[in-house]
């Protein structure tokens, strides 16, 4: 049996743009085909393992559209990504009286507030953590998602070390298929719609913010994300469009 190339994707897909590649991943998990969604004219037909099977990053071996990851499983698609804030403000252009340059006064320190979010077609879910996001926080957030999103989940995220850690892999294995994960192509953050959520959050909801301390920063950051959630009917659609996945 022919085996897929080392990256885990059919050889016919290696020449695709990153956006087409992610569209193909989404399509195949929902019962489509590589050729239909990725625009590949020379994809081998059914029976050729190189086009019909690929390596899953959840550690469950080779899978294809005809096996587990089909539309009939009713999985909810979630893109996940992390970001961070500090007391150093995100500076943007603003208004001031004529002849008076705006001045931002802030406490410079190394304390950091981290955020992690999961975006579906219709909503997003987030958690804030002091300091950096590590394996324990990733597992905590996956538990958080399972409390708010019913049924099985299909998670797409990048290949950072915390996503590939031994504890995360063991946790996913313990769920016995309730969460299935797929990895984005390397060096392609623009394909993750959550990146555009973070951009809107910092540019439009927290511009020039000078927080007194980490507690105030956390409070304002959480309120800002809740404001975005109230406008999700138009913003989430825009995030998917910016990632060219809609």
C-alpha atoms as a PDB file:
ATOM      1  CA  UNK A   1       0.000   0.000   0.000  1.00  0.00           C
ATOM      2  CA  UNK A   2       1.299   3.446  -0.898  1.00  0.00           C
ATOM      3  CA  UNK A   3       1.963   5.592   2.144  1.00  0.00           C
ATOM      4  CA  UNK A   4       1.351   9.360   2.276  1.00  0.00           C
ATOM      5  CA  UNK A   5       4.323  11.713   2.200  1.00  0.00           C
ATOM      6  CA  UNK A   6       6.005  12.592   5.531  1.00  0.00           C
ATOM      7  CA  UNK A   7       3.867  15.689   6.130  1.00  0.00           C
ATOM      8  CA  UNK A   8       0.749  13.491   6.299  1.00  0.00           C
ATOM      9  CA  UNK A   9      -0.967  14.851   3.170  1.00  0.00           C
ATOM     10  CA  UNK A  10      -1.545  13.287  -0.243  1.00  0.00           C
ATOM     11  CA  UNK A  11       1.198  14.129  -2.700  1.00  0.00           C
ATOM     12  CA  UNK A  12      -1.352  15.679  -5.084  1.00  0.00           C
ATOM     13  CA  UNK A  13      -2.071  18.375  -2.484  1.00  0.00           C
ATOM     14  CA  UNK A  14       1.487  19.509  -1.870  1.00  0.00           C
ATOM     15  CA  UNK A  15       1.362  22.174  -4.579  1.00  0.00           C
ATOM     16  CA  UNK A  16      -1.777  23.836  -3.250  1.00  0.00           C
ATOM     17  CA  UNK A  17      -1.936  27.227  -1.594  1.00  0.00           C
ATOM     18  CA  UNK A  18      -2.307  27.159   2.181  1.00  0.00           C
ATOM     19  CA  UNK A  19      -5.904  28.427   1.997  1.00  0.00           C
ATOM     20  CA  UNK A  20      -6.900  25.672  -0.453  1.00  0.00           C
ATOM     21  CA  UNK A  21      -5.170  23.127   1.736  1.00  0.00           C
ATOM     22  CA  UNK A  22      -7.160  24.082   4.834  1.00  0.00           C
ATOM     23  CA  UNK A  23     -10.395  24.112   2.825  1.00  0.00           C
ATOM     24  CA  UNK A  24      -9.554  20.590   1.704  1.00  0.00           C
ATOM     25  CA  UNK A  25      -8.958  19.490   5.305  1.00  0.00           C
ATOM     26  CA  UNK A  26     -12.323  20.898   6.385  1.00  0.00           C
ATOM     27  CA  UNK A  27     -14.101  19.350   3.408  1.00  0.00           C
ATOM     28  CA  UNK A  28     -12.635  15.901   3.895  1.00  0.00           C
ATOM     29  CA  UNK A  29     -13.694  15.870   7.547  1.00  0.00           C
ATOM     30  CA  UNK A  30     -17.252  16.645   6.487  1.00  0.00           C
ATOM     31  CA  UNK A  31     -17.553  13.917   3.922  1.00  0.00           C
ATOM     32  CA  UNK A  32     -16.242  15.710   0.828  1.00  0.00           C
ATOM     33  CA  UNK A  33     -13.328  14.810  -1.381  1.00  0.00           C
ATOM     34  CA  UNK A  34      -9.860  16.257  -1.886  1.00  0.00           C
ATOM     35  CA  UNK A  35     -10.352  16.877  -5.589  1.00  0.00           C
ATOM     36  CA  UNK A  36     -13.714  18.644  -5.314  1.00  0.00           C
ATOM     37  CA  UNK A  37     -12.657  21.154  -2.687  1.00  0.00           C
ATOM     38  CA  UNK A  38      -8.978  21.665  -3.414  1.00  0.00           C
ATOM     39  CA  UNK A  39      -9.303  21.913  -7.189  1.00  0.00           C
ATOM     40  CA  UNK A  40      -6.907  19.031  -7.829  1.00  0.00           C
ATOM     41  CA  UNK A  41      -7.344  17.454 -11.244  1.00  0.00           C
ATOM     42  CA  UNK A  42      -5.026  14.475 -10.780  1.00  0.00           C
ATOM     43  CA  UNK A  43      -6.141  13.145  -7.395  1.00  0.00           C
ATOM     44  CA  UNK A  44      -6.214   9.316  -7.504  1.00  0.00           C
ATOM     45  CA  UNK A  45      -9.674   7.763  -7.199  1.00  0.00           C
ATOM     46  CA  UNK A  46     -11.006   5.631  -4.352  1.00  0.00           C
ATOM     47  CA  UNK A  47      -8.825   2.650  -3.607  1.00  0.00           C
ATOM     48  CA  UNK A  48      -5.573   4.638  -3.769  1.00  0.00           C
ATOM     49  CA  UNK A  49      -4.433   5.069  -0.189  1.00  0.00           C
ATOM     50  CA  UNK A  50      -2.278   8.090  -1.029  1.00  0.00           C
ATOM     51  CA  UNK A  51      -5.343  10.183  -1.851  1.00  0.00           C
ATOM     52  CA  UNK A  52      -7.890   8.670   0.493  1.00  0.00           C
ATOM     53  CA  UNK A  53      -5.955   8.326   3.722  1.00  0.00           C
ATOM     54  CA  UNK A  54      -3.720  10.511   5.827  1.00  0.00           C
ATOM     55  CA  UNK A  55      -2.117  10.672   9.232  1.00  0.00           C
ATOM     56  CA  UNK A  56      -4.211  12.059  12.061  1.00  0.00           C
ATOM     57  CA  UNK A  57      -2.504  14.130  14.752  1.00  0.00           C
ATOM     58  CA  UNK A  58      -4.749  12.648  17.440  1.00  0.00           C
ATOM     59  CA  UNK A  59      -2.725   9.443  17.330  1.00  0.00           C
ATOM     60  CA  UNK A  60      -5.495   7.248  15.923  1.00  0.00           C
ATOM     61  CA  UNK A  61      -3.647   6.086  12.812  1.00  0.00           C
ATOM     62  CA  UNK A  62      -4.722   6.460   9.194  1.00  0.00           C
ATOM     63  CA  UNK A  63      -8.206   7.711   8.448  1.00  0.00           C
ATOM     64  CA  UNK A  64     -10.174   8.761   5.410  1.00  0.00           C
ATOM     65  CA  UNK A  65     -13.547  10.241   4.450  1.00  0.00           C
ATOM     66  CA  UNK A  66     -15.179   6.816   4.321  1.00  0.00           C
ATOM     67  CA  UNK A  67     -14.217   5.880   7.893  1.00  0.00           C
ATOM     68  CA  UNK A  68     -14.679   7.875  11.091  1.00  0.00           C
ATOM     69  CA  UNK A  69     -14.404  11.519  10.192  1.00  0.00           C
ATOM     70  CA  UNK A  70     -17.531  11.952   8.105  1.00  0.00           C
ATOM     71  CA  UNK A  71     -20.495  14.246   8.263  1.00  0.00           C
ATOM     72  CA  UNK A  72     -22.591  11.574   9.950  1.00  0.00           C
ATOM     73  CA  UNK A  73     -20.575  11.938  13.159  1.00  0.00           C
ATOM     74  CA  UNK A  74     -22.033  15.397  13.614  1.00  0.00           C
ATOM     75  CA  UNK A  75     -18.822  16.987  14.911  1.00  0.00           C
ATOM     76  CA  UNK A  76     -18.662  20.703  15.674  1.00  0.00           C
ATOM     77  CA  UNK A  77     -15.752  22.377  13.898  1.00  0.00           C
ATOM     78  CA  UNK A  78     -13.628  24.641  16.125  1.00  0.00           C
ATOM     79  CA  UNK A  79     -10.507  26.620  15.323  1.00  0.00           C
ATOM     80  CA  UNK A  80      -8.345  27.307  18.383  1.00  0.00           C
ATOM     81  CA  UNK A  81      -5.573  29.842  18.913  1.00  0.00           C
ATOM     82  CA  UNK A  82      -3.789  31.697  21.726  1.00  0.00           C
ATOM     83  CA  UNK A  83      -2.769  35.315  22.180  1.00  0.00           C
ATOM     84  CA  UNK A  84      -1.455  37.580  24.925  1.00  0.00           C
ATOM     85  CA  UNK A  85      -1.656  41.032  26.465  1.00  0.00           C
ATOM     86  CA  UNK A  86       0.546  43.046  28.785  1.00  0.00           C
ATOM     87  CA  UNK A  87       0.282  46.401  30.535  1.00  0.00           C
ATOM     88  CA  UNK A  88       2.129  47.889  27.583  1.00  0.00           C
ATOM     89  CA  UNK A  89      -0.727  49.328  25.466  1.00  0.00           C
ATOM     90  CA  UNK A  90      -1.534  48.381  21.908  1.00  0.00           C
ATOM     91  CA  UNK A  91      -0.951  51.769  20.267  1.00  0.00           C
ATOM     92  CA  UNK A  92      -3.219  53.063  17.519  1.00  0.00           C
ATOM     93  CA  UNK A  93      -3.849  56.479  15.963  1.00  0.00           C
ATOM     94  CA  UNK A  94      -6.244  58.624  17.962  1.00  0.00           C
ATOM     95  CA  UNK A  95      -7.628  62.136  18.400  1.00  0.00           C
ATOM     96  CA  UNK A  96      -6.231  64.955  20.536  1.00  0.00           C
ATOM     97  CA  UNK A  97      -6.463  68.746  20.739  1.00  0.00           C
ATOM     98  CA  UNK A  98      -4.562  70.488  17.962  1.00  0.00           C
ATOM     99  CA  UNK A  99      -0.880  70.856  18.805  1.00  0.00           C
ATOM    100  CA  UNK A 100      -0.983  68.359  21.698  1.00  0.00           C
ATOM    101  CA  UNK A 101       0.634  64.990  21.076  1.00  0.00           C
ATOM    102  CA  UNK A 102      -1.250  62.140  22.789  1.00  0.00           C
ATOM    103  CA  UNK A 103       0.773  60.639  25.660  1.00  0.00           C
ATOM    104  CA  UNK A 104       0.281  57.118  27.004  1.00  0.00           C
ATOM    105  CA  UNK A 105       1.472  56.468  30.552  1.00  0.00           C
ATOM    106  CA  UNK A 106       1.750  52.838  31.598  1.00  0.00           C
ATOM    107  CA  UNK A 107       3.570  50.546  33.984  1.00  0.00           C
ATOM    108  CA  UNK A 108       6.212  48.583  32.109  1.00  0.00           C
ATOM    109  CA  UNK A 109       6.719  45.090  33.536  1.00  0.00           C
ATOM    110  CA  UNK A 110       6.953  41.528  32.304  1.00  0.00           C
ATOM    111  CA  UNK A 111       3.619  40.316  33.666  1.00  0.00           C
ATOM    112  CA  UNK A 112       1.475  38.842  30.929  1.00  0.00           C
ATOM    113  CA  UNK A 113      -2.167  37.925  30.449  1.00  0.00           C
ATOM    114  CA  UNK A 114      -2.815  35.067  28.027  1.00  0.00           C
ATOM    115  CA  UNK A 115      -6.015  34.319  26.143  1.00  0.00           C
ATOM    116  CA  UNK A 116      -7.186  31.204  24.335  1.00  0.00           C
ATOM    117  CA  UNK A 117     -10.292  31.017  22.161  1.00  0.00           C
ATOM    118  CA  UNK A 118     -12.211  28.476  20.124  1.00  0.00           C
ATOM    119  CA  UNK A 119     -14.229  29.731  17.137  1.00  0.00           C
ATOM    120  CA  UNK A 120     -17.150  27.894  15.506  1.00  0.00           C
ATOM    121  CA  UNK A 121     -19.305  28.995  12.577  1.00  0.00           C
ATOM    122  CA  UNK A 122     -21.692  30.836  14.920  1.00  0.00           C
ATOM    123  CA  UNK A 123     -19.940  31.628  18.242  1.00  0.00           C
ATOM    124  CA  UNK A 124     -16.648  31.689  20.100  1.00  0.00           C
ATOM    125  CA  UNK A 125     -15.526  30.612  23.566  1.00  0.00           C
ATOM    126  CA  UNK A 126     -12.577  31.977  25.510  1.00  0.00           C
ATOM    127  CA  UNK A 127     -10.613  31.772  28.733  1.00  0.00           C
ATOM    128  CA  UNK A 128      -8.027  34.160  30.208  1.00  0.00           C
ATOM    129  CA  UNK A 129      -5.001  33.007  32.215  1.00  0.00           C
ATOM    130  CA  UNK A 130      -2.252  34.907  34.028  1.00  0.00           C
ATOM    131  CA  UNK A 131       1.170  34.160  32.573  1.00  0.00           C
ATOM    132  CA  UNK A 132       1.860  31.905  29.618  1.00  0.00           C
ATOM    133  CA  UNK A 133      -0.474  29.175  28.408  1.00  0.00           C
ATOM    134  CA  UNK A 134       0.959  25.759  29.164  1.00  0.00           C
ATOM    135  CA  UNK A 135      -0.272  22.199  28.848  1.00  0.00           C
ATOM    136  CA  UNK A 136      -2.498  22.437  31.933  1.00  0.00           C
ATOM    137  CA  UNK A 137      -4.274  25.510  30.565  1.00  0.00           C
ATOM    138  CA  UNK A 138      -4.842  23.842  27.188  1.00  0.00           C
ATOM    139  CA  UNK A 139      -6.473  20.850  28.877  1.00  0.00           C
ATOM    140  CA  UNK A 140      -8.555  23.149  31.073  1.00  0.00           C
ATOM    141  CA  UNK A 141      -9.799  24.991  27.988  1.00  0.00           C
ATOM    142  CA  UNK A 142     -10.692  21.740  26.218  1.00  0.00           C
ATOM    143  CA  UNK A 143     -12.771  20.806  29.272  1.00  0.00           C
ATOM    144  CA  UNK A 144     -14.372  24.258  29.094  1.00  0.00           C
ATOM    145  CA  UNK A 145     -15.315  23.670  25.457  1.00  0.00           C
ATOM    146  CA  UNK A 146     -16.920  20.336  26.231  1.00  0.00           C
ATOM    147  CA  UNK A 147     -19.136  21.973  28.864  1.00  0.00           C
ATOM    148  CA  UNK A 148     -20.409  24.567  26.382  1.00  0.00           C
ATOM    149  CA  UNK A 149     -20.426  22.703  23.052  1.00  0.00           C
ATOM    150  CA  UNK A 150     -22.399  19.490  23.085  1.00  0.00           C
ATOM    151  CA  UNK A 151     -21.410  16.425  21.122  1.00  0.00           C
ATOM    152  CA  UNK A 152     -18.182  15.500  19.383  1.00  0.00           C
ATOM    153  CA  UNK A 153     -15.649  18.141  18.394  1.00  0.00           C
ATOM    154  CA  UNK A 154     -13.264  18.560  15.485  1.00  0.00           C
ATOM    155  CA  UNK A 155     -10.486  20.960  16.520  1.00  0.00           C
ATOM    156  CA  UNK A 156      -8.089  22.637  14.109  1.00  0.00           C
ATOM    157  CA  UNK A 157      -5.051  24.378  15.616  1.00  0.00           C
ATOM    158  CA  UNK A 158      -1.382  25.038  14.979  1.00  0.00           C
ATOM    159  CA  UNK A 159       1.579  22.865  15.895  1.00  0.00           C
ATOM    160  CA  UNK A 160       2.946  24.665  18.959  1.00  0.00           C
ATOM    161  CA  UNK A 161       4.619  22.494  21.586  1.00  0.00           C
ATOM    162  CA  UNK A 162       1.734  22.690  24.083  1.00  0.00           C
ATOM    163  CA  UNK A 163      -0.655  21.224  21.487  1.00  0.00           C
ATOM    164  CA  UNK A 164       1.727  18.315  20.850  1.00  0.00           C
ATOM    165  CA  UNK A 165       2.702  17.629  24.450  1.00  0.00           C
ATOM    166  CA  UNK A 166       2.510  14.175  25.979  1.00  0.00           C
ATOM    167  CA  UNK A 167      -0.146  15.254  28.501  1.00  0.00           C
ATOM    168  CA  UNK A 168      -2.411  16.720  25.824  1.00  0.00           C
ATOM    169  CA  UNK A 169      -2.074  13.607  23.666  1.00  0.00           C
ATOM    170  CA  UNK A 170      -2.867  11.402  26.653  1.00  0.00           C
ATOM    171  CA  UNK A 171      -5.872  13.552  27.515  1.00  0.00           C
ATOM    172  CA  UNK A 172      -7.235  13.347  23.956  1.00  0.00           C
ATOM    173  CA  UNK A 173      -6.741   9.599  23.939  1.00  0.00           C
ATOM    174  CA  UNK A 174      -8.677   9.287  27.210  1.00  0.00           C
ATOM    175  CA  UNK A 175     -11.708  10.929  25.557  1.00  0.00           C
ATOM    176  CA  UNK A 176     -12.010   7.971  23.171  1.00  0.00           C
ATOM    177  CA  UNK A 177     -12.705   9.994  20.058  1.00  0.00           C
ATOM    178  CA  UNK A 178     -14.913  12.748  21.486  1.00  0.00           C
ATOM    179  CA  UNK A 179     -12.327  15.317  20.380  1.00  0.00           C
ATOM    180  CA  UNK A 180     -10.448  14.857  17.107  1.00  0.00           C
ATOM    181  CA  UNK A 181      -7.674  17.300  16.252  1.00  0.00           C
ATOM    182  CA  UNK A 182      -6.105  18.369  12.964  1.00  0.00           C
ATOM    183  CA  UNK A 183      -3.053  20.579  12.567  1.00  0.00           C
ATOM    184  CA  UNK A 184      -2.790  23.682  10.392  1.00  0.00           C
ATOM    185  CA  UNK A 185       0.059  23.907   7.869  1.00  0.00           C
ATOM    186  CA  UNK A 186       3.281  25.289   9.318  1.00  0.00           C
ATOM    187  CA  UNK A 187       3.903  29.049   9.151  1.00  0.00           C
ATOM    188  CA  UNK A 188       0.330  29.817   8.084  1.00  0.00           C
ATOM    189  CA  UNK A 189      -1.362  31.726  10.937  1.00  0.00           C
ATOM    190  CA  UNK A 190      -3.426  33.657   8.389  1.00  0.00           C
ATOM    191  CA  UNK A 191      -5.504  30.509   7.840  1.00  0.00           C
ATOM    192  CA  UNK A 192      -6.815  30.523  11.398  1.00  0.00           C
ATOM    193  CA  UNK A 193      -9.911  32.759  11.753  1.00  0.00           C
ATOM    194  CA  UNK A 194      -9.153  33.201  15.473  1.00  0.00           C
ATOM    195  CA  UNK A 195      -6.146  35.333  14.460  1.00  0.00           C
ATOM    196  CA  UNK A 196      -8.593  37.925  13.118  1.00  0.00           C
ATOM    197  CA  UNK A 197     -10.589  37.781  16.338  1.00  0.00           C
ATOM    198  CA  UNK A 198      -7.399  38.735  18.203  1.00  0.00           C
ATOM    199  CA  UNK A 199      -6.672  41.510  15.713  1.00  0.00           C
ATOM    200  CA  UNK A 200     -10.133  43.043  16.150  1.00  0.00           C
ATOM    201  CA  UNK A 201      -9.917  42.614  19.935  1.00  0.00           C
ATOM    202  CA  UNK A 202      -6.679  44.592  20.227  1.00  0.00           C
ATOM    203  CA  UNK A 203      -7.205  47.131  17.450  1.00  0.00           C
ATOM    204  CA  UNK A 204     -10.846  48.059  18.064  1.00  0.00           C
ATOM    205  CA  UNK A 205     -11.736  47.037  21.623  1.00  0.00           C
ATOM    206  CA  UNK A 206      -8.500  47.648  23.573  1.00  0.00           C
ATOM    207  CA  UNK A 207      -6.650  50.425  21.710  1.00  0.00           C
ATOM    208  CA  UNK A 208      -4.267  52.581  23.769  1.00  0.00           C
ATOM    209  CA  UNK A 209      -5.368  50.805  26.944  1.00  0.00           C
ATOM    210  CA  UNK A 210      -3.176  51.681  29.945  1.00  0.00           C
ATOM    211  CA  UNK A 211      -4.170  49.301  32.738  1.00  0.00           C
ATOM    212  CA  UNK A 212      -3.010  49.951  36.310  1.00  0.00           C
ATOM    213  CA  UNK A 213      -2.370  46.280  37.023  1.00  0.00           C
ATOM    214  CA  UNK A 214      -2.967  42.791  35.681  1.00  0.00           C
ATOM    215  CA  UNK A 215      -6.342  42.516  37.422  1.00  0.00           C
ATOM    216  CA  UNK A 216      -7.681  45.605  35.637  1.00  0.00           C
ATOM    217  CA  UNK A 217      -6.221  44.396  32.336  1.00  0.00           C
ATOM    218  CA  UNK A 218      -7.964  41.040  32.780  1.00  0.00           C
ATOM    219  CA  UNK A 219     -11.282  42.706  33.607  1.00  0.00           C
ATOM    220  CA  UNK A 220     -11.206  44.997  30.566  1.00  0.00           C
ATOM    221  CA  UNK A 221     -10.006  42.212  28.281  1.00  0.00           C
ATOM    222  CA  UNK A 222     -12.863  39.909  29.331  1.00  0.00           C
ATOM    223  CA  UNK A 223     -15.448  42.660  28.893  1.00  0.00           C
ATOM    224  CA  UNK A 224     -14.058  43.420  25.441  1.00  0.00           C
ATOM    225  CA  UNK A 225     -14.394  39.799  24.341  1.00  0.00           C
ATOM    226  CA  UNK A 226     -17.969  39.710  25.633  1.00  0.00           C
ATOM    227  CA  UNK A 227     -18.751  42.841  23.601  1.00  0.00           C
ATOM    228  CA  UNK A 228     -17.400  41.114  20.499  1.00  0.00           C
ATOM    229  CA  UNK A 229     -19.555  38.092  21.268  1.00  0.00           C
ATOM    230  CA  UNK A 230     -22.663  40.295  21.327  1.00  0.00           C
ATOM    231  CA  UNK A 231     -21.785  41.408  17.765  1.00  0.00           C
ATOM    232  CA  UNK A 232     -20.930  37.889  16.612  1.00  0.00           C
ATOM    233  CA  UNK A 233     -23.665  37.703  13.959  1.00  0.00           C
ATOM    234  CA  UNK A 234     -21.551  39.864  11.626  1.00  0.00           C
ATOM    235  CA  UNK A 235     -18.046  39.649  13.092  1.00  0.00           C
ATOM    236  CA  UNK A 236     -17.608  35.874  13.077  1.00  0.00           C
ATOM    237  CA  UNK A 237     -18.595  35.763   9.422  1.00  0.00           C
ATOM    238  CA  UNK A 238     -15.972  38.441   8.744  1.00  0.00           C
ATOM    239  CA  UNK A 239     -13.261  36.455  10.566  1.00  0.00           C
ATOM    240  CA  UNK A 240     -13.955  33.398   8.401  1.00  0.00           C
ATOM    241  CA  UNK A 241     -13.935  35.541   5.251  1.00  0.00           C
ATOM    242  CA  UNK A 242     -10.576  37.064   6.185  1.00  0.00           C
ATOM    243  CA  UNK A 243      -9.103  33.588   6.570  1.00  0.00           C
ATOM    244  CA  UNK A 244     -10.519  32.777   3.080  1.00  0.00           C
ATOM    245  CA  UNK A 245     -12.328  29.747   4.481  1.00  0.00           C
ATOM    246  CA  UNK A 246     -15.881  30.945   3.858  1.00  0.00           C
END
